[in-house]
Amino acid sequence: YRRSTIGMCLTETLDDMVSSGALSPELAIQVLVQFDKSMTDALENQVKSKVTVKGHLHTYRFCDNVWTFILTDATFKNEEITETVGK
């Protein structure tokens, strides 16, 4: 979630605050950990949409307790729309 737009903005803001001395690095890390937990909770309990993803698996990895899947010719489908992504 940290690579989302809001996650990157949060990280940049925290970095600025740490650089200016307004926030300790330890507290900035705690904020990011709480952000991860809050995003996970919100997606699990508040989002009602379901998405189906189909495609050809090019690469996968598990790093820092996060799975990453690289797909080619992926199709994302929800109740309203289907979107195909070539790469």
N, C-alpha and C. Protein backbone atom coordinates (compact mmCIF):
# COMPACT_ATOMS: atom_id res chain seq x y z
N TYR A 1 0.82 -1.20 0.00
CA TYR A 1 0.00 0.00 0.00
C TYR A 1 0.86 1.25 0.00
N ARG A 2 2.10 1.10 0.39
CA ARG A 2 2.99 2.26 0.43
C ARG A 2 3.34 2.77 -0.96
N ARG A 3 3.16 1.94 -1.97
CA ARG A 3 3.46 2.38 -3.33
C ARG A 3 2.24 2.99 -4.02
N SER A 4 1.11 3.04 -3.30
CA SER A 4 -0.06 3.74 -3.84
C SER A 4 0.20 5.25 -3.76
N THR A 5 -0.63 6.03 -4.41
CA THR A 5 -0.45 7.48 -4.39
C THR A 5 -0.49 8.02 -2.97
N ILE A 6 -1.47 7.59 -2.19
CA ILE A 6 -1.58 8.10 -0.82
C ILE A 6 -0.42 7.60 0.04
N GLY A 7 0.03 6.37 -0.19
CA GLY A 7 1.16 5.85 0.56
C GLY A 7 2.46 6.58 0.26
N MET A 8 2.66 6.92 -1.01
CA MET A 8 3.86 7.66 -1.40
C MET A 8 3.83 9.08 -0.85
N CYS A 9 2.64 9.70 -0.86
CA CYS A 9 2.51 11.05 -0.28
C CYS A 9 2.78 11.03 1.22
N LEU A 10 2.26 10.02 1.89
CA LEU A 10 2.49 9.88 3.33
C LEU A 10 3.98 9.71 3.60
N THR A 11 4.63 8.83 2.86
CA THR A 11 6.06 8.58 3.04
C THR A 11 6.88 9.86 2.81
N GLU A 12 6.54 10.59 1.75
CA GLU A 12 7.26 11.83 1.45
C GLU A 12 7.07 12.86 2.56
N THR A 13 5.85 12.98 3.05
CA THR A 13 5.57 13.93 4.13
C THR A 13 6.32 13.55 5.40
N LEU A 14 6.31 12.26 5.73
CA LEU A 14 7.04 11.81 6.92
C LEU A 14 8.53 12.06 6.77
N ASP A 15 9.08 11.81 5.58
CA ASP A 15 10.50 12.08 5.33
C ASP A 15 10.82 13.56 5.55
N ASP A 16 9.94 14.43 5.04
CA ASP A 16 10.14 15.87 5.24
C ASP A 16 10.12 16.23 6.72
N MET A 17 9.18 15.64 7.45
CA MET A 17 9.06 15.94 8.88
C MET A 17 10.27 15.43 9.67
N VAL A 18 10.78 14.26 9.28
CA VAL A 18 11.98 13.73 9.95
C VAL A 18 13.18 14.62 9.62
N SER A 19 13.30 15.03 8.36
CA SER A 19 14.42 15.89 7.95
C SER A 19 14.42 17.23 8.67
N SER A 20 13.23 17.77 8.92
CA SER A 20 13.14 19.07 9.59
C SER A 20 13.21 18.95 11.11
N GLY A 21 13.22 17.72 11.61
CA GLY A 21 13.30 17.51 13.05
C GLY A 21 11.96 17.56 13.77
N ALA A 22 10.88 17.66 13.01
CA ALA A 22 9.55 17.72 13.62
C ALA A 22 9.06 16.35 14.08
N LEU A 23 9.71 15.29 13.61
CA LEU A 23 9.27 13.93 13.91
C LEU A 23 10.50 13.03 14.01
N SER A 24 10.48 12.10 14.94
CA SER A 24 11.60 11.17 15.05
C SER A 24 11.44 10.06 14.01
N PRO A 25 12.56 9.48 13.57
CA PRO A 25 12.47 8.38 12.61
C PRO A 25 11.66 7.19 13.15
N GLU A 26 11.77 6.94 14.45
CA GLU A 26 11.03 5.83 15.04
C GLU A 26 9.52 6.05 14.94
N LEU A 27 9.09 7.28 15.20
CA LEU A 27 7.66 7.58 15.11
C LEU A 27 7.18 7.51 13.67
N ALA A 28 8.01 7.93 12.74
CA ALA A 28 7.65 7.85 11.31
C ALA A 28 7.44 6.39 10.91
N ILE A 29 8.28 5.51 11.39
CA ILE A 29 8.13 4.08 11.10
C ILE A 29 6.84 3.54 11.70
N GLN A 30 6.53 3.96 12.92
CA GLN A 30 5.28 3.54 13.56
C GLN A 30 4.07 4.00 12.76
N VAL A 31 4.13 5.21 12.22
CA VAL A 31 3.03 5.72 11.40
C VAL A 31 2.86 4.86 10.15
N LEU A 32 3.95 4.50 9.50
CA LEU A 32 3.87 3.66 8.30
C LEU A 32 3.34 2.27 8.61
N VAL A 33 3.74 1.70 9.73
CA VAL A 33 3.23 0.39 10.13
C VAL A 33 1.73 0.47 10.38
N GLN A 34 1.29 1.53 11.05
CA GLN A 34 -0.15 1.71 11.30
C GLN A 34 -0.90 1.93 9.99
N PHE A 35 -0.30 2.66 9.06
CA PHE A 35 -0.91 2.87 7.74
C PHE A 35 -1.13 1.52 7.05
N ASP A 36 -0.12 0.65 7.07
CA ASP A 36 -0.26 -0.67 6.46
C ASP A 36 -1.41 -1.45 7.09
N LYS A 37 -1.47 -1.44 8.42
CA LYS A 37 -2.54 -2.16 9.13
C LYS A 37 -3.91 -1.58 8.80
N SER A 38 -4.01 -0.26 8.78
CA SER A 38 -5.29 0.39 8.50
C SER A 38 -5.76 0.12 7.08
N MET A 39 -4.85 0.15 6.12
CA MET A 39 -5.22 -0.14 4.73
C MET A 39 -5.68 -1.58 4.58
N THR A 40 -4.98 -2.50 5.21
CA THR A 40 -5.38 -3.91 5.15
C THR A 40 -6.77 -4.09 5.75
N ASP A 41 -7.00 -3.49 6.90
CA ASP A 41 -8.30 -3.60 7.56
C ASP A 41 -9.40 -2.98 6.70
N ALA A 42 -9.15 -1.82 6.13
CA ALA A 42 -10.16 -1.16 5.30
C ALA A 42 -10.51 -1.99 4.07
N LEU A 43 -9.50 -2.55 3.42
CA LEU A 43 -9.77 -3.36 2.24
C LEU A 43 -10.50 -4.65 2.59
N GLU A 44 -10.18 -5.23 3.73
CA GLU A 44 -10.84 -6.47 4.13
C GLU A 44 -12.28 -6.25 4.58
N ASN A 45 -12.55 -5.13 5.26
CA ASN A 45 -13.84 -4.97 5.92
C ASN A 45 -14.75 -3.91 5.32
N GLN A 46 -14.24 -3.01 4.50
CA GLN A 46 -15.07 -1.92 4.01
C GLN A 46 -15.31 -1.94 2.51
N VAL A 47 -14.45 -2.59 1.76
CA VAL A 47 -14.61 -2.63 0.31
C VAL A 47 -15.48 -3.81 -0.06
N LYS A 48 -16.56 -3.54 -0.77
CA LYS A 48 -17.51 -4.59 -1.12
C LYS A 48 -17.31 -5.12 -2.54
N SER A 49 -16.54 -4.43 -3.35
CA SER A 49 -16.32 -4.84 -4.73
C SER A 49 -15.43 -6.07 -4.80
N LYS A 50 -15.69 -6.88 -5.79
CA LYS A 50 -14.82 -8.03 -6.05
C LYS A 50 -14.28 -7.90 -7.46
N VAL A 51 -13.02 -8.26 -7.63
CA VAL A 51 -12.37 -8.18 -8.92
C VAL A 51 -11.79 -9.55 -9.26
N THR A 52 -11.97 -9.95 -10.50
CA THR A 52 -11.37 -11.18 -11.00
C THR A 52 -10.20 -10.79 -11.89
N VAL A 53 -9.06 -11.44 -11.69
CA VAL A 53 -7.86 -11.16 -12.48
C VAL A 53 -7.46 -12.44 -13.19
N LYS A 54 -7.29 -12.34 -14.50
CA LYS A 54 -6.81 -13.48 -15.28
C LYS A 54 -5.67 -12.99 -16.16
N GLY A 55 -4.71 -13.85 -16.40
CA GLY A 55 -3.59 -13.48 -17.25
C GLY A 55 -2.53 -14.57 -17.22
N HIS A 56 -1.45 -14.32 -17.91
CA HIS A 56 -0.33 -15.25 -17.94
C HIS A 56 0.71 -14.79 -16.92
N LEU A 57 1.06 -15.69 -16.01
CA LEU A 57 2.02 -15.35 -14.96
C LEU A 57 3.43 -15.30 -15.55
N HIS A 58 4.03 -14.13 -15.51
CA HIS A 58 5.39 -13.95 -16.03
C HIS A 58 6.41 -14.17 -14.92
N THR A 59 6.19 -13.53 -13.77
CA THR A 59 7.12 -13.60 -12.65
C THR A 59 6.35 -13.46 -11.35
N TYR A 60 6.84 -14.11 -10.32
CA TYR A 60 6.27 -13.88 -8.99
C TYR A 60 7.40 -13.87 -7.97
N ARG A 61 7.15 -13.16 -6.86
CA ARG A 61 8.16 -13.13 -5.79
C ARG A 61 7.46 -12.83 -4.47
N PHE A 62 8.13 -13.22 -3.40
CA PHE A 62 7.65 -12.97 -2.04
C PHE A 62 8.79 -12.30 -1.29
N CYS A 63 8.64 -11.00 -1.03
CA CYS A 63 9.70 -10.24 -0.38
C CYS A 63 9.08 -9.33 0.66
N ASP A 64 9.67 -9.27 1.83
CA ASP A 64 9.17 -8.43 2.93
C ASP A 64 7.71 -8.73 3.25
N ASN A 65 7.38 -10.02 3.18
CA ASN A 65 6.03 -10.49 3.53
C ASN A 65 4.96 -9.97 2.56
N VAL A 66 5.38 -9.66 1.31
CA VAL A 66 4.44 -9.18 0.29
C VAL A 66 4.63 -10.01 -0.98
N TRP A 67 3.52 -10.55 -1.49
CA TRP A 67 3.56 -11.26 -2.76
C TRP A 67 3.42 -10.24 -3.89
N THR A 68 4.23 -10.42 -4.94
CA THR A 68 4.13 -9.60 -6.14
C THR A 68 4.00 -10.54 -7.34
N PHE A 69 2.99 -10.29 -8.17
CA PHE A 69 2.76 -11.10 -9.36
C PHE A 69 2.86 -10.19 -10.58
N ILE A 70 3.69 -10.58 -11.55
CA ILE A 70 3.80 -9.85 -12.80
C ILE A 70 3.07 -10.68 -13.86
N LEU A 71 2.01 -10.09 -14.43
CA LEU A 71 1.18 -10.78 -15.41
C LEU A 71 1.34 -10.14 -16.78
N THR A 72 1.18 -10.95 -17.82
CA THR A 72 1.07 -10.41 -19.17
C THR A 72 -0.33 -10.74 -19.68
N ASP A 73 -0.81 -9.92 -20.58
CA ASP A 73 -2.16 -10.08 -21.14
C ASP A 73 -3.20 -10.27 -20.04
N ALA A 74 -3.16 -9.41 -19.04
CA ALA A 74 -4.05 -9.52 -17.89
C ALA A 74 -5.41 -8.91 -18.20
N THR A 75 -6.45 -9.53 -17.63
CA THR A 75 -7.81 -9.02 -17.72
C THR A 75 -8.34 -8.84 -16.31
N PHE A 76 -8.81 -7.64 -16.02
CA PHE A 76 -9.41 -7.31 -14.72
C PHE A 76 -10.90 -7.13 -14.94
N LYS A 77 -11.70 -7.82 -14.13
CA LYS A 77 -13.14 -7.77 -14.34
C LYS A 77 -13.85 -7.59 -13.00
N ASN A 78 -14.78 -6.62 -12.96
CA ASN A 78 -15.66 -6.50 -11.81
C ASN A 78 -17.10 -6.57 -12.30
N GLU A 79 -18.05 -6.19 -11.47
CA GLU A 79 -19.45 -6.32 -11.86
C GLU A 79 -19.82 -5.42 -13.03
N GLU A 80 -19.09 -4.32 -13.22
CA GLU A 80 -19.49 -3.32 -14.19
C GLU A 80 -18.64 -3.27 -15.45
N ILE A 81 -17.37 -3.61 -15.36
CA ILE A 81 -16.46 -3.36 -16.48
C ILE A 81 -15.38 -4.44 -16.55
N THR A 82 -14.90 -4.66 -17.77
CA THR A 82 -13.76 -5.55 -18.00
C THR A 82 -12.68 -4.73 -18.68
N GLU A 83 -11.47 -4.81 -18.15
CA GLU A 83 -10.34 -4.05 -18.69
C GLU A 83 -9.20 -5.01 -18.99
N THR A 84 -8.67 -4.96 -20.21
CA THR A 84 -7.55 -5.80 -20.60
C THR A 84 -6.29 -4.95 -20.69
N VAL A 85 -5.22 -5.47 -20.10
CA VAL A 85 -3.93 -4.78 -20.10
C VAL A 85 -2.94 -5.68 -20.81
N GLY A 86 -2.27 -5.15 -21.82
CA GLY A 86 -1.33 -5.95 -22.61
C GLY A 86 -0.09 -6.35 -21.86
N LYS A 87 0.46 -5.44 -21.07
CA LYS A 87 1.70 -5.73 -20.34
C LYS A 87 1.56 -5.38 -18.91
